[in-house]
Amino acid sequence: MPKGKKPKLGSGKRFKALTSKLEKSGKSAKSAAAIAASIGRKKYGKKKFAKLASKGRKRAAAARKA
């Protein structure tokens, strides 16, 4: 990934990076995820963020099966 470029939206890498950054600042894993979700909803809107979250849950379920 070139410097300054963000990962593709929907890959989950942006969310993971933000939660990691929040955890390093002293937040718990649970609160970091909640804060990141709140930021995502504010940035992308309720409907679009719900769609992205749904894709992430499906991807996680598929990874658990494999």
PDB file of N, CA and C in Angstrom:
ATOM      1  N   MET A   1       0.848  -1.175   0.000  1.00  0.00           N
ATOM      2  CA  MET A   1       0.000   0.000   0.000  1.00  0.00           C
ATOM      3  C   MET A   1       0.898   1.245   0.000  1.00  0.00           C
ATOM      4  N   PRO A   2       0.738   2.127  -1.004  1.00  0.00           N
ATOM      5  CA  PRO A   2       1.541   3.349  -1.071  1.00  0.00           C
ATOM      6  C   PRO A   2       1.312   4.244   0.148  1.00  0.00           C
ATOM      7  N   LYS A   3       2.344   4.971   0.505  1.00  0.00           N
ATOM      8  CA  LYS A   3       2.258   5.859   1.666  1.00  0.00           C
ATOM      9  C   LYS A   3       1.192   6.929   1.433  1.00  0.00           C
ATOM     10  N   GLY A   4       0.349   7.144   2.444  1.00  0.00           N
ATOM     11  CA  GLY A   4      -0.692   8.152   2.350  1.00  0.00           C
ATOM     12  C   GLY A   4      -2.011   7.619   1.821  1.00  0.00           C
ATOM     13  N   LYS A   5      -2.008   6.401   1.288  1.00  0.00           N
ATOM     14  CA  LYS A   5      -3.240   5.799   0.770  1.00  0.00           C
ATOM     15  C   LYS A   5      -3.941   5.043   1.892  1.00  0.00           C
ATOM     16  N   LYS A   6      -5.256   5.082   1.884  1.00  0.00           N
ATOM     17  CA  LYS A   6      -6.038   4.342   2.872  1.00  0.00           C
ATOM     18  C   LYS A   6      -6.473   3.013   2.270  1.00  0.00           C
ATOM     19  N   PRO A   7      -6.659   1.992   3.103  1.00  0.00           N
ATOM     20  CA  PRO A   7      -7.184   0.724   2.599  1.00  0.00           C
ATOM     21  C   PRO A   7      -8.590   0.917   2.023  1.00  0.00           C
ATOM     22  N   LYS A   8      -9.002  -0.003   1.182  1.00  0.00           N
ATOM     23  CA  LYS A   8     -10.306   0.067   0.527  1.00  0.00           C
ATOM     24  C   LYS A   8     -11.422   0.044   1.572  1.00  0.00           C
ATOM     25  N   LEU A   9     -12.419   0.883   1.369  1.00  0.00           N
ATOM     26  CA  LEU A   9     -13.563   0.935   2.268  1.00  0.00           C
ATOM     27  C   LEU A   9     -14.308  -0.396   2.211  1.00  0.00           C
ATOM     28  N   GLY A  10     -14.600  -0.940   3.364  1.00  0.00           N
ATOM     29  CA  GLY A  10     -15.304  -2.217   3.425  1.00  0.00           C
ATOM     30  C   GLY A  10     -14.385  -3.390   3.703  1.00  0.00           C
ATOM     31  N   SER A  11     -13.066  -3.145   3.672  1.00  0.00           N
ATOM     32  CA  SER A  11     -12.126  -4.230   3.929  1.00  0.00           C
ATOM     33  C   SER A  11     -12.004  -4.519   5.427  1.00  0.00           C
ATOM     34  N   GLY A  12     -12.358  -3.531   6.256  1.00  0.00           N
ATOM     35  CA  GLY A  12     -12.244  -3.688   7.699  1.00  0.00           C
ATOM     36  C   GLY A  12     -10.911  -3.208   8.241  1.00  0.00           C
ATOM     37  N   LYS A  13      -9.979  -2.911   7.357  1.00  0.00           N
ATOM     38  CA  LYS A  13      -8.642  -2.489   7.800  1.00  0.00           C
ATOM     39  C   LYS A  13      -8.656  -1.086   8.399  1.00  0.00           C
ATOM     40  N   ARG A  14      -9.517  -0.205   7.875  1.00  0.00           N
ATOM     41  CA  ARG A  14      -9.620   1.152   8.428  1.00  0.00           C
ATOM     42  C   ARG A  14     -10.167   1.100   9.853  1.00  0.00           C
ATOM     43  N   PHE A  15     -11.199   0.270  10.053  1.00  0.00           N
ATOM     44  CA  PHE A  15     -11.811   0.132  11.379  1.00  0.00           C
ATOM     45  C   PHE A  15     -10.788  -0.444  12.369  1.00  0.00           C
ATOM     46  N   LYS A  16     -10.082  -1.475  11.925  1.00  0.00           N
ATOM     47  CA  LYS A  16      -9.085  -2.110  12.784  1.00  0.00           C
ATOM     48  C   LYS A  16      -7.966  -1.130  13.154  1.00  0.00           C
ATOM     49  N   ALA A  17      -7.537  -0.313  12.194  1.00  0.00           N
ATOM     50  CA  ALA A  17      -6.482   0.668  12.453  1.00  0.00           C
ATOM     51  C   ALA A  17      -6.943   1.706  13.473  1.00  0.00           C
ATOM     52  N   LEU A  18      -8.182   2.153  13.333  1.00  0.00           N
ATOM     53  CA  LEU A  18      -8.706   3.151  14.270  1.00  0.00           C
ATOM     54  C   LEU A  18      -8.862   2.567  15.671  1.00  0.00           C
ATOM     55  N   THR A  19      -9.358   1.334  15.769  1.00  0.00           N
ATOM     56  CA  THR A  19      -9.503   0.720  17.098  1.00  0.00           C
ATOM     57  C   THR A  19      -8.131   0.514  17.743  1.00  0.00           C
ATOM     58  N   SER A  20      -7.137   0.122  16.947  1.00  0.00           N
ATOM     59  CA  SER A  20      -5.779  -0.052  17.487  1.00  0.00           C
ATOM     60  C   SER A  20      -5.235   1.275  18.015  1.00  0.00           C
ATOM     61  N   LYS A  21      -5.458   2.338  17.254  1.00  0.00           N
ATOM     62  CA  LYS A  21      -4.993   3.667  17.665  1.00  0.00           C
ATOM     63  C   LYS A  21      -5.664   4.092  18.975  1.00  0.00           C
ATOM     64  N   LEU A  22      -6.974   3.832  19.095  1.00  0.00           N
ATOM     65  CA  LEU A  22      -7.700   4.197  20.305  1.00  0.00           C
ATOM     66  C   LEU A  22      -7.247   3.360  21.498  1.00  0.00           C
ATOM     67  N   GLU A  23      -6.956   2.073  21.266  1.00  0.00           N
ATOM     68  CA  GLU A  23      -6.475   1.214  22.353  1.00  0.00           C
ATOM     69  C   GLU A  23      -5.112   1.685  22.856  1.00  0.00           C
ATOM     70  N   LYS A  24      -4.259   2.133  21.935  1.00  0.00           N
ATOM     71  CA  LYS A  24      -2.937   2.630  22.322  1.00  0.00           C
ATOM     72  C   LYS A  24      -3.045   3.901  23.149  1.00  0.00           C
ATOM     73  N   SER A  25      -4.146   4.642  22.964  1.00  0.00           N
ATOM     74  CA  SER A  25      -4.327   5.868  23.735  1.00  0.00           C
ATOM     75  C   SER A  25      -4.924   5.597  25.118  1.00  0.00           C
ATOM     76  N   GLY A  26      -5.164   4.299  25.433  1.00  0.00           N
ATOM     77  CA  GLY A  26      -5.610   3.954  26.771  1.00  0.00           C
ATOM     78  C   GLY A  26      -7.035   3.451  26.885  1.00  0.00           C
ATOM     79  N   LYS A  27      -7.739   3.333  25.781  1.00  0.00           N
ATOM     80  CA  LYS A  27      -9.125   2.832  25.822  1.00  0.00           C
ATOM     81  C   LYS A  27      -9.119   1.307  25.858  1.00  0.00           C
ATOM     82  N   SER A  28     -10.164   0.723  26.417  1.00  0.00           N
ATOM     83  CA  SER A  28     -10.297  -0.735  26.393  1.00  0.00           C
ATOM     84  C   SER A  28     -10.698  -1.153  24.980  1.00  0.00           C
ATOM     85  N   ALA A  29     -10.555  -2.429  24.673  1.00  0.00           N
ATOM     86  CA  ALA A  29     -10.894  -2.925  23.337  1.00  0.00           C
ATOM     87  C   ALA A  29     -12.369  -2.681  23.023  1.00  0.00           C
ATOM     88  N   LYS A  30     -13.224  -2.908  24.011  1.00  0.00           N
ATOM     89  CA  LYS A  30     -14.657  -2.743  23.811  1.00  0.00           C
ATOM     90  C   LYS A  30     -15.020  -1.276  23.571  1.00  0.00           C
ATOM     91  N   SER A  31     -14.468  -0.387  24.368  1.00  0.00           N
ATOM     92  CA  SER A  31     -14.796   1.030  24.198  1.00  0.00           C
ATOM     93  C   SER A  31     -14.168   1.591  22.922  1.00  0.00           C
ATOM     94  N   ALA A  32     -12.993   1.091  22.542  1.00  0.00           N
ATOM     95  CA  ALA A  32     -12.357   1.542  21.302  1.00  0.00           C
ATOM     96  C   ALA A  32     -13.220   1.166  20.098  1.00  0.00           C
ATOM     97  N   ALA A  33     -13.772  -0.047  20.098  1.00  0.00           N
ATOM     98  CA  ALA A  33     -14.641  -0.478  19.002  1.00  0.00           C
ATOM     99  C   ALA A  33     -15.919   0.357  18.969  1.00  0.00           C
ATOM    100  N   ALA A  34     -16.462   0.673  20.139  1.00  0.00           N
ATOM    101  CA  ALA A  34     -17.678   1.477  20.203  1.00  0.00           C
ATOM    102  C   ALA A  34     -17.431   2.891  19.688  1.00  0.00           C
ATOM    103  N   ILE A  35     -16.288   3.467  20.043  1.00  0.00           N
ATOM    104  CA  ILE A  35     -15.948   4.815  19.582  1.00  0.00           C
ATOM    105  C   ILE A  35     -15.739   4.819  18.066  1.00  0.00           C
ATOM    106  N   ALA A  36     -15.023   3.801  17.557  1.00  0.00           N
ATOM    107  CA  ALA A  36     -14.781   3.701  16.118  1.00  0.00           C
ATOM    108  C   ALA A  36     -16.102   3.549  15.352  1.00  0.00           C
ATOM    109  N   ALA A  37     -17.025   2.760  15.894  1.00  0.00           N
ATOM    110  CA  ALA A  37     -18.329   2.579  15.258  1.00  0.00           C
ATOM    111  C   ALA A  37     -19.104   3.894  15.251  1.00  0.00           C
ATOM    112  N   SER A  38     -19.026   4.631  16.339  1.00  0.00           N
ATOM    113  CA  SER A  38     -19.702   5.921  16.432  1.00  0.00           C
ATOM    114  C   SER A  38     -19.153   6.894  15.388  1.00  0.00           C
ATOM    115  N   ILE A  39     -17.838   6.913  15.235  1.00  0.00           N
ATOM    116  CA  ILE A  39     -17.200   7.786  14.246  1.00  0.00           C
ATOM    117  C   ILE A  39     -17.621   7.375  12.832  1.00  0.00           C
ATOM    118  N   GLY A  40     -17.664   6.067  12.590  1.00  0.00           N
ATOM    119  CA  GLY A  40     -18.069   5.567  11.279  1.00  0.00           C
ATOM    120  C   GLY A  40     -19.498   5.941  10.936  1.00  0.00           C
ATOM    121  N   ARG A  41     -20.386   5.824  11.912  1.00  0.00           N
ATOM    122  CA  ARG A  41     -21.788   6.192  11.677  1.00  0.00           C
ATOM    123  C   ARG A  41     -21.922   7.681  11.372  1.00  0.00           C
ATOM    124  N   LYS A  42     -21.152   8.478  12.082  1.00  0.00           N
ATOM    125  CA  LYS A  42     -21.210   9.923  11.861  1.00  0.00           C
ATOM    126  C   LYS A  42     -20.660  10.281  10.471  1.00  0.00           C
ATOM    127  N   LYS A  43     -19.596   9.590  10.056  1.00  0.00           N
ATOM    128  CA  LYS A  43     -18.953   9.897   8.782  1.00  0.00           C
ATOM    129  C   LYS A  43     -19.741   9.370   7.588  1.00  0.00           C
ATOM    130  N   TYR A  44     -20.218   8.119   7.654  1.00  0.00           N
ATOM    131  CA  TYR A  44     -20.840   7.472   6.508  1.00  0.00           C
ATOM    132  C   TYR A  44     -22.356   7.412   6.569  1.00  0.00           C
ATOM    133  N   GLY A  45     -22.932   7.708   7.702  1.00  0.00           N
ATOM    134  CA  GLY A  45     -24.382   7.628   7.850  1.00  0.00           C
ATOM    135  C   GLY A  45     -24.792   6.263   8.378  1.00  0.00           C
ATOM    136  N   LYS A  46     -25.948   6.223   8.985  1.00  0.00           N
ATOM    137  CA  LYS A  46     -26.431   5.014   9.641  1.00  0.00           C
ATOM    138  C   LYS A  46     -26.586   3.854   8.656  1.00  0.00           C
ATOM    139  N   LYS A  47     -27.193   4.136   7.507  1.00  0.00           N
ATOM    140  CA  LYS A  47     -27.504   3.089   6.534  1.00  0.00           C
ATOM    141  C   LYS A  47     -26.229   2.493   5.918  1.00  0.00           C
ATOM    142  N   LYS A  48     -25.326   3.343   5.469  1.00  0.00           N
ATOM    143  CA  LYS A  48     -24.101   2.848   4.834  1.00  0.00           C
ATOM    144  C   LYS A  48     -23.221   2.125   5.842  1.00  0.00           C
ATOM    145  N   PHE A  49     -23.135   2.643   7.063  1.00  0.00           N
ATOM    146  CA  PHE A  49     -22.290   1.992   8.055  1.00  0.00           C
ATOM    147  C   PHE A  49     -22.868   0.633   8.440  1.00  0.00           C
ATOM    148  N   ALA A  50     -24.194   0.522   8.500  1.00  0.00           N
ATOM    149  CA  ALA A  50     -24.828  -0.763   8.798  1.00  0.00           C
ATOM    150  C   ALA A  50     -24.500  -1.780   7.706  1.00  0.00           C
ATOM    151  N   LYS A  51     -24.470  -1.332   6.461  1.00  0.00           N
ATOM    152  CA  LYS A  51     -24.130  -2.213   5.340  1.00  0.00           C
ATOM    153  C   LYS A  51     -22.674  -2.686   5.450  1.00  0.00           C
ATOM    154  N   LEU A  52     -21.775  -1.777   5.795  1.00  0.00           N
ATOM    155  CA  LEU A  52     -20.367  -2.139   5.967  1.00  0.00           C
ATOM    156  C   LEU A  52     -20.190  -3.115   7.131  1.00  0.00           C
ATOM    157  N   ALA A  53     -20.903  -2.884   8.217  1.00  0.00           N
ATOM    158  CA  ALA A  53     -20.815  -3.758   9.389  1.00  0.00           C
ATOM    159  C   ALA A  53     -21.340  -5.150   9.063  1.00  0.00           C
ATOM    160  N   SER A  54     -22.398  -5.206   8.268  1.00  0.00           N
ATOM    161  CA  SER A  54     -22.966  -6.491   7.864  1.00  0.00           C
ATOM    162  C   SER A  54     -21.954  -7.287   7.045  1.00  0.00           C
ATOM    163  N   LYS A  55     -21.274  -6.612   6.111  1.00  0.00           N
ATOM    164  CA  LYS A  55     -20.240  -7.277   5.318  1.00  0.00           C
ATOM    165  C   LYS A  55     -19.130  -7.811   6.217  1.00  0.00           C
ATOM    166  N   GLY A  56     -18.755  -7.022   7.225  1.00  0.00           N
ATOM    167  CA  GLY A  56     -17.703  -7.440   8.144  1.00  0.00           C
ATOM    168  C   GLY A  56     -18.100  -8.655   8.964  1.00  0.00           C
ATOM    169  N   ARG A  57     -19.352  -8.691   9.412  1.00  0.00           N
ATOM    170  CA  ARG A  57     -19.822  -9.854  10.188  1.00  0.00           C
ATOM    171  C   ARG A  57     -19.856 -11.103   9.327  1.00  0.00           C
ATOM    172  N   LYS A  58     -20.291 -10.952   8.069  1.00  0.00           N
ATOM    173  CA  LYS A  58     -20.312 -12.100   7.146  1.00  0.00           C
ATOM    174  C   LYS A  58     -18.894 -12.609   6.890  1.00  0.00           C
ATOM    175  N   ARG A  59     -17.950 -11.699   6.705  1.00  0.00           N
ATOM    176  CA  ARG A  59     -16.577 -12.081   6.466  1.00  0.00           C
ATOM    177  C   ARG A  59     -15.994 -12.800   7.676  1.00  0.00           C
ATOM    178  N   ALA A  60     -16.312 -12.331   8.864  1.00  0.00           N
ATOM    179  CA  ALA A  60     -15.808 -12.952  10.087  1.00  0.00           C
ATOM    180  C   ALA A  60     -16.398 -14.346  10.272  1.00  0.00           C
ATOM    181  N   ALA A  61     -17.681 -14.504   9.958  1.00  0.00           N
ATOM    182  CA  ALA A  61     -18.323 -15.810  10.073  1.00  0.00           C
ATOM    183  C   ALA A  61     -17.718 -16.797   9.088  1.00  0.00           C
ATOM    184  N   ALA A  62     -17.413 -16.338   7.878  1.00  0.00           N
ATOM    185  CA  ALA A  62     -16.823 -17.202   6.874  1.00  0.00           C
ATOM    186  C   ALA A  62     -15.408 -17.619   7.295  1.00  0.00           C
ATOM    187  N   ALA A  63     -14.686 -16.692   7.918  1.00  0.00           N
ATOM    188  CA  ALA A  63     -13.329 -17.008   8.376  1.00  0.00           C
ATOM    189  C   ALA A  63     -13.356 -18.038   9.515  1.00  0.00           C
ATOM    190  N   ARG A  64     -14.373 -17.955  10.364  1.00  0.00           N
ATOM    191  CA  ARG A  64     -14.491 -18.932  11.459  1.00  0.00           C
ATOM    192  C   ARG A  64     -14.806 -20.319  10.945  1.00  0.00           C
ATOM    193  N   LYS A  65     -15.601 -20.402   9.862  1.00  0.00           N
ATOM    194  CA  LYS A  65     -15.956 -21.693   9.286  1.00  0.00           C
ATOM    195  C   LYS A  65     -14.756 -22.360   8.625  1.00  0.00           C
ATOM    196  N   ALA A  66     -13.916 -21.555   7.988  1.00  0.00           N
ATOM    197  CA  ALA A  66     -12.780 -22.092   7.240  1.00  0.00           C
ATOM    198  C   ALA A  66     -11.661 -22.574   8.112  1.00  0.00           C
TER     199      ALA A  66
END
